[in-house]
Amino acid sequence: QVLEINGTDVQGASLTSAIALIRGAVGQKIDLLLLRENKKLLLSVTTRKISTTAVESTQVAPNVGLLAISTFSPGSAKDVRSSLEKLKIQRGLIIDLRNNPGGLISEAVKVAEIFIGNGTIVSYRVNDNEKIYSASNPNPIAVPIVVLINRSTASAAEILASAFQDRNRGVVIGERSYGKGSVQEFRTLEDGSKLELTVALYITPSGRTIEGVGVTPDLNVSPNELGAKALQILGGLASLGASK
């Protein structure tokens, strides 16, 4: 557990605030006070530029693919599109959002738009101003979809899962998600410092809020049964589609 970053207490701070304290120029020294097994540890690390892969793809069965999205960072939607080109998904796609802490809402919306052609993905209201994120894709991918979530699926990942669920575009299975659905904005103070304020709650297409509640899966499935259950559901959905 991270207690302090460069002497600043981060207990109760948001992920965005903690990241802002850690990020810096390459070569910058960062002091972290950690709590591990009831013992406090002071560690010093040095920042460097790293490259991460937010999207991984696997062919898990004939004509069934798996996309594991670990976070929503700049370019995640583009990576999803590139990964889909490598997969054969005629019978369906599994989107794994387990342990995804969120990230950029705009990237999550772009991913949703790949599969949801039009309509609201998520919205929020600040005073009398309503912000609506909508899909606009004349040729969305129409294969059956199963979405995997767990208690560490949060924020933008929860928004994506709820969009699939509310728009009847995919079956969500696993565990109830974390419940981070609030909107934060930074306000600059007179001395140049910034204050992060929670200003609104995200609203799913059906009008739900996920803050403190999370996304309840369509089907509760234990971690060791997720793979088999996802394939079973996709098989049923593919058969239903073929019979229409």
Protein backbone atom coordinates (compact mmCIF):
# COMPACT_ATOMS: atom_id res chain seq x y z
CA GLN A 1 0.00 0.00 0.00
CA VAL A 2 1.38 3.42 -0.97
CA LEU A 3 1.21 5.79 2.01
CA GLU A 4 3.25 8.78 0.81
CA ILE A 5 4.76 10.03 -2.45
CA ASN A 6 7.66 12.44 -1.96
CA GLY A 7 6.39 13.16 1.55
CA THR A 8 2.79 13.82 0.45
CA ASP A 9 0.12 11.71 2.17
CA VAL A 10 -1.92 9.96 -0.53
CA GLN A 11 -4.32 8.04 1.70
CA GLY A 12 -7.74 8.41 0.12
CA ALA A 13 -6.32 10.19 -2.94
CA SER A 14 -7.60 9.26 -6.39
CA LEU A 15 -5.52 7.29 -8.87
CA THR A 16 -5.26 10.42 -11.03
CA SER A 17 -3.78 12.43 -8.16
CA ALA A 18 -1.27 9.73 -7.25
CA ILE A 19 -0.12 9.39 -10.87
CA ALA A 20 0.32 13.16 -11.11
CA LEU A 21 2.68 13.05 -8.11
CA ILE A 22 4.72 10.17 -9.54
CA ARG A 23 5.09 11.36 -13.11
CA GLY A 24 8.03 13.60 -13.90
CA ALA A 25 11.01 14.20 -16.12
CA VAL A 26 13.16 11.21 -17.00
CA GLY A 27 15.73 10.66 -14.27
CA GLN A 28 13.70 12.29 -11.51
CA LYS A 29 13.95 10.68 -8.06
CA ILE A 30 10.69 9.60 -6.41
CA ASP A 31 10.46 8.61 -2.74
CA LEU A 32 7.70 6.14 -1.88
CA LEU A 33 6.60 5.26 1.66
CA LEU A 34 4.96 1.83 1.48
CA LEU A 35 3.12 -0.40 3.92
CA ARG A 36 3.81 -4.09 3.39
CA GLU A 37 2.84 -6.80 5.89
CA ASN A 38 2.34 -4.13 8.61
CA LYS A 39 5.85 -2.76 8.06
CA LYS A 40 6.67 0.64 6.58
CA LEU A 41 9.28 0.75 3.82
CA LEU A 42 10.87 3.85 2.28
CA LEU A 43 11.98 3.25 -1.30
CA SER A 44 13.56 5.58 -3.83
CA VAL A 45 12.95 5.01 -7.53
CA THR A 46 14.02 6.89 -10.64
CA THR A 47 11.60 7.75 -13.43
CA ARG A 48 12.21 6.53 -16.94
CA LYS A 49 10.24 6.28 -20.16
CA ILE A 50 8.49 2.96 -20.60
CA SER A 51 6.33 1.38 -23.27
CA THR A 52 3.30 -0.65 -22.23
CA THR A 53 0.94 -2.90 -24.12
CA ALA A 54 -2.62 -2.17 -23.07
CA VAL A 55 -4.26 -4.68 -25.43
CA GLU A 56 -3.42 -8.35 -25.93
CA SER A 57 -5.22 -10.71 -28.31
CA THR A 58 -5.52 -14.50 -28.36
CA GLN A 59 -7.35 -16.99 -30.55
CA VAL A 60 -9.02 -19.12 -27.87
CA ALA A 61 -11.18 -21.34 -30.10
CA PRO A 62 -12.05 -21.70 -33.79
CA ASN A 63 -13.56 -18.34 -34.80
CA VAL A 64 -13.57 -17.09 -31.19
CA GLY A 65 -11.09 -14.43 -30.09
CA LEU A 66 -10.06 -12.91 -26.78
CA LEU A 67 -9.13 -9.25 -26.22
CA ALA A 68 -7.58 -8.43 -22.85
CA ILE A 69 -7.56 -4.67 -22.21
CA SER A 70 -5.44 -3.76 -19.18
CA THR A 71 -6.05 0.01 -19.23
CA PHE A 72 -7.44 2.79 -21.41
CA SER A 73 -4.47 4.91 -22.41
CA PRO A 74 -3.91 7.02 -25.55
CA GLY A 75 -4.19 4.73 -28.57
CA SER A 76 -5.98 1.85 -26.81
CA ALA A 77 -8.89 1.92 -29.27
CA LYS A 78 -6.47 1.88 -32.19
CA ASP A 79 -4.71 -1.12 -30.62
CA VAL A 80 -8.07 -2.88 -30.27
CA ARG A 81 -8.78 -2.39 -33.97
CA SER A 82 -5.32 -3.67 -34.91
CA SER A 83 -5.74 -6.71 -32.67
CA LEU A 84 -9.13 -7.53 -34.16
CA GLU A 85 -7.57 -7.73 -37.62
CA LYS A 86 -5.45 -10.65 -36.40
CA LEU A 87 -8.37 -12.62 -34.95
CA LYS A 88 -11.04 -14.81 -36.46
CA ILE A 89 -14.19 -13.90 -34.52
CA GLN A 90 -17.09 -15.10 -36.65
CA ARG A 91 -18.56 -16.99 -33.67
CA GLY A 92 -17.82 -14.35 -31.09
CA LEU A 93 -15.41 -12.27 -29.04
CA ILE A 94 -14.46 -12.27 -25.35
CA ILE A 95 -13.42 -8.86 -23.96
CA ASP A 96 -11.49 -9.23 -20.71
CA LEU A 97 -11.71 -6.12 -18.49
CA ARG A 98 -10.64 -7.83 -15.28
CA ASN A 99 -8.18 -5.78 -13.19
CA ASN A 100 -8.54 -2.85 -15.60
CA PRO A 101 -8.41 0.30 -13.41
CA GLY A 102 -9.83 2.55 -16.13
CA GLY A 103 -8.03 5.46 -17.74
CA LEU A 104 -9.24 7.72 -20.52
CA ILE A 105 -13.01 7.79 -20.92
CA SER A 106 -12.58 8.90 -24.54
CA GLU A 107 -10.66 5.71 -25.37
CA ALA A 108 -13.27 3.51 -23.68
CA VAL A 109 -15.97 5.25 -25.72
CA LYS A 110 -14.00 4.68 -28.94
CA VAL A 111 -13.74 0.97 -28.09
CA ALA A 112 -17.48 0.81 -27.44
CA GLU A 113 -18.10 2.50 -30.79
CA ILE A 114 -16.35 -0.35 -32.60
CA PHE A 115 -19.21 -2.64 -31.55
CA ILE A 116 -22.07 -0.21 -30.83
CA GLY A 117 -22.92 1.74 -33.96
CA ASN A 118 -24.86 4.67 -32.54
CA GLY A 119 -26.47 6.11 -29.45
CA THR A 120 -25.31 7.12 -25.98
CA ILE A 121 -22.38 5.32 -24.37
CA VAL A 122 -22.19 7.39 -21.16
CA SER A 123 -23.12 10.86 -19.95
CA TYR A 124 -22.89 13.20 -16.98
CA ARG A 125 -24.32 16.56 -15.95
CA VAL A 126 -22.57 19.47 -14.22
CA ASN A 127 -25.15 22.07 -13.15
CA ASP A 128 -27.21 22.67 -16.31
CA ASN A 129 -24.55 21.40 -18.71
CA GLU A 130 -24.90 17.83 -19.93
CA LYS A 131 -21.97 16.02 -21.50
CA ILE A 132 -22.94 13.06 -23.67
CA TYR A 133 -20.49 10.57 -25.18
CA SER A 134 -22.16 8.95 -28.19
CA ALA A 135 -21.21 6.35 -30.77
CA SER A 136 -21.33 7.09 -34.50
CA ASN A 137 -20.19 4.13 -36.55
CA PRO A 138 -22.15 3.07 -39.66
CA ASN A 139 -20.44 -0.36 -39.73
CA PRO A 140 -20.03 -1.71 -36.20
CA ILE A 141 -18.76 -5.25 -35.63
CA ALA A 142 -21.85 -7.37 -35.00
CA VAL A 143 -20.46 -10.64 -33.57
CA PRO A 144 -21.66 -12.00 -30.18
CA ILE A 145 -19.69 -10.59 -27.24
CA VAL A 146 -19.01 -11.69 -23.68
CA VAL A 147 -17.39 -9.20 -21.28
CA LEU A 148 -15.38 -10.38 -18.25
CA ILE A 149 -15.26 -8.18 -15.12
CA ASN A 150 -14.15 -8.57 -11.51
CA ARG A 151 -13.94 -6.50 -8.33
CA SER A 152 -10.87 -4.67 -9.71
CA THR A 153 -12.61 -3.54 -12.90
CA ALA A 154 -13.01 0.21 -12.38
CA SER A 155 -13.84 3.60 -13.86
CA ALA A 156 -13.64 3.68 -17.69
CA ALA A 157 -13.63 -0.13 -17.77
CA GLU A 158 -16.91 -0.16 -15.83
CA ILE A 159 -18.34 2.40 -18.23
CA LEU A 160 -17.49 0.17 -21.19
CA ALA A 161 -18.98 -2.91 -19.50
CA SER A 162 -22.19 -1.06 -18.58
CA ALA A 163 -22.53 0.25 -22.14
CA PHE A 164 -22.41 -3.32 -23.51
CA GLN A 165 -24.89 -4.37 -20.85
CA ASP A 166 -27.38 -1.51 -21.16
CA ARG A 167 -27.40 -1.55 -24.94
CA ASN A 168 -27.94 -5.33 -24.97
CA ARG A 169 -24.76 -5.65 -27.01
CA GLY A 170 -22.92 -8.14 -24.84
CA VAL A 171 -23.27 -10.50 -21.87
CA VAL A 172 -21.31 -9.37 -18.81
CA ILE A 173 -20.06 -12.16 -16.53
CA GLY A 174 -17.77 -12.49 -13.52
CA GLU A 175 -17.92 -10.48 -10.28
CA ARG A 176 -19.48 -7.14 -9.38
CA SER A 177 -17.03 -4.39 -10.35
CA TYR A 178 -15.29 -1.82 -8.15
CA GLY A 179 -17.74 1.11 -8.34
CA LYS A 180 -15.70 4.14 -9.50
CA GLY A 181 -18.08 6.30 -11.52
CA SER A 182 -17.37 9.88 -10.51
CA VAL A 183 -16.12 12.76 -12.65
CA GLN A 184 -13.14 14.81 -11.47
CA GLU A 185 -11.99 18.22 -12.66
CA PHE A 186 -8.90 20.24 -11.74
CA ARG A 187 -9.25 23.86 -10.62
CA THR A 188 -6.18 26.11 -10.65
CA LEU A 189 -5.76 28.23 -7.52
CA GLU A 190 -4.23 31.71 -7.28
CA ASP A 191 -0.83 30.36 -6.21
CA GLY A 192 -0.69 28.05 -9.24
CA SER A 193 -1.49 24.87 -7.35
CA LYS A 194 -4.36 22.66 -8.47
CA LEU A 195 -7.36 21.32 -6.60
CA GLU A 196 -9.10 18.18 -7.81
CA LEU A 197 -12.86 18.22 -7.28
CA THR A 198 -15.53 15.61 -7.86
CA VAL A 199 -18.16 17.44 -9.91
CA ALA A 200 -20.54 14.76 -11.24
CA LEU A 201 -21.40 11.09 -11.57
CA TYR A 202 -21.29 9.15 -14.81
CA ILE A 203 -24.67 7.91 -16.03
CA THR A 204 -24.98 4.70 -18.06
CA PRO A 205 -27.26 4.50 -21.14
CA SER A 206 -30.14 3.13 -19.02
CA GLY A 207 -29.79 5.90 -16.43
CA ARG A 208 -27.82 4.02 -13.77
CA THR A 209 -24.90 5.34 -11.72
CA ILE A 210 -22.01 3.02 -10.86
CA GLU A 211 -20.33 5.13 -8.15
CA GLY A 212 -20.11 3.04 -4.99
CA VAL A 213 -22.27 0.36 -6.58
CA GLY A 214 -20.34 -1.06 -9.51
CA VAL A 215 -21.61 -3.07 -12.44
CA THR A 216 -23.54 -6.20 -11.50
CA PRO A 217 -22.76 -8.96 -14.02
CA ASP A 218 -25.55 -10.63 -15.94
CA LEU A 219 -24.16 -13.88 -14.59
CA ASN A 220 -21.99 -14.37 -11.49
CA VAL A 221 -19.17 -16.74 -12.43
CA SER A 222 -16.17 -17.83 -10.36
CA PRO A 223 -12.72 -17.02 -11.81
CA ASN A 224 -11.85 -20.65 -12.53
CA GLU A 225 -15.04 -21.15 -14.56
CA LEU A 226 -14.97 -17.93 -16.61
CA GLY A 227 -13.31 -19.33 -19.73
CA ALA A 228 -15.63 -22.30 -20.11
CA LYS A 229 -18.73 -20.25 -19.32
CA ALA A 230 -17.77 -17.51 -21.81
CA LEU A 231 -17.35 -20.07 -24.60
CA GLN A 232 -20.64 -21.72 -23.64
CA ILE A 233 -22.51 -18.39 -23.80
CA LEU A 234 -20.92 -17.47 -27.14
CA GLY A 235 -21.88 -20.84 -28.56
CA GLY A 236 -25.49 -20.24 -27.58
CA LEU A 237 -25.52 -16.68 -28.94
CA ALA A 238 -23.96 -17.78 -32.23
CA SER A 239 -26.54 -20.54 -32.63
CA LEU A 240 -29.34 -18.08 -31.87
CA GLY A 241 -28.02 -15.67 -34.48
CA ALA A 242 -27.72 -18.41 -37.09
CA SER A 243 -31.32 -19.48 -36.55
CA LYS A 244 -32.76 -16.03 -37.22
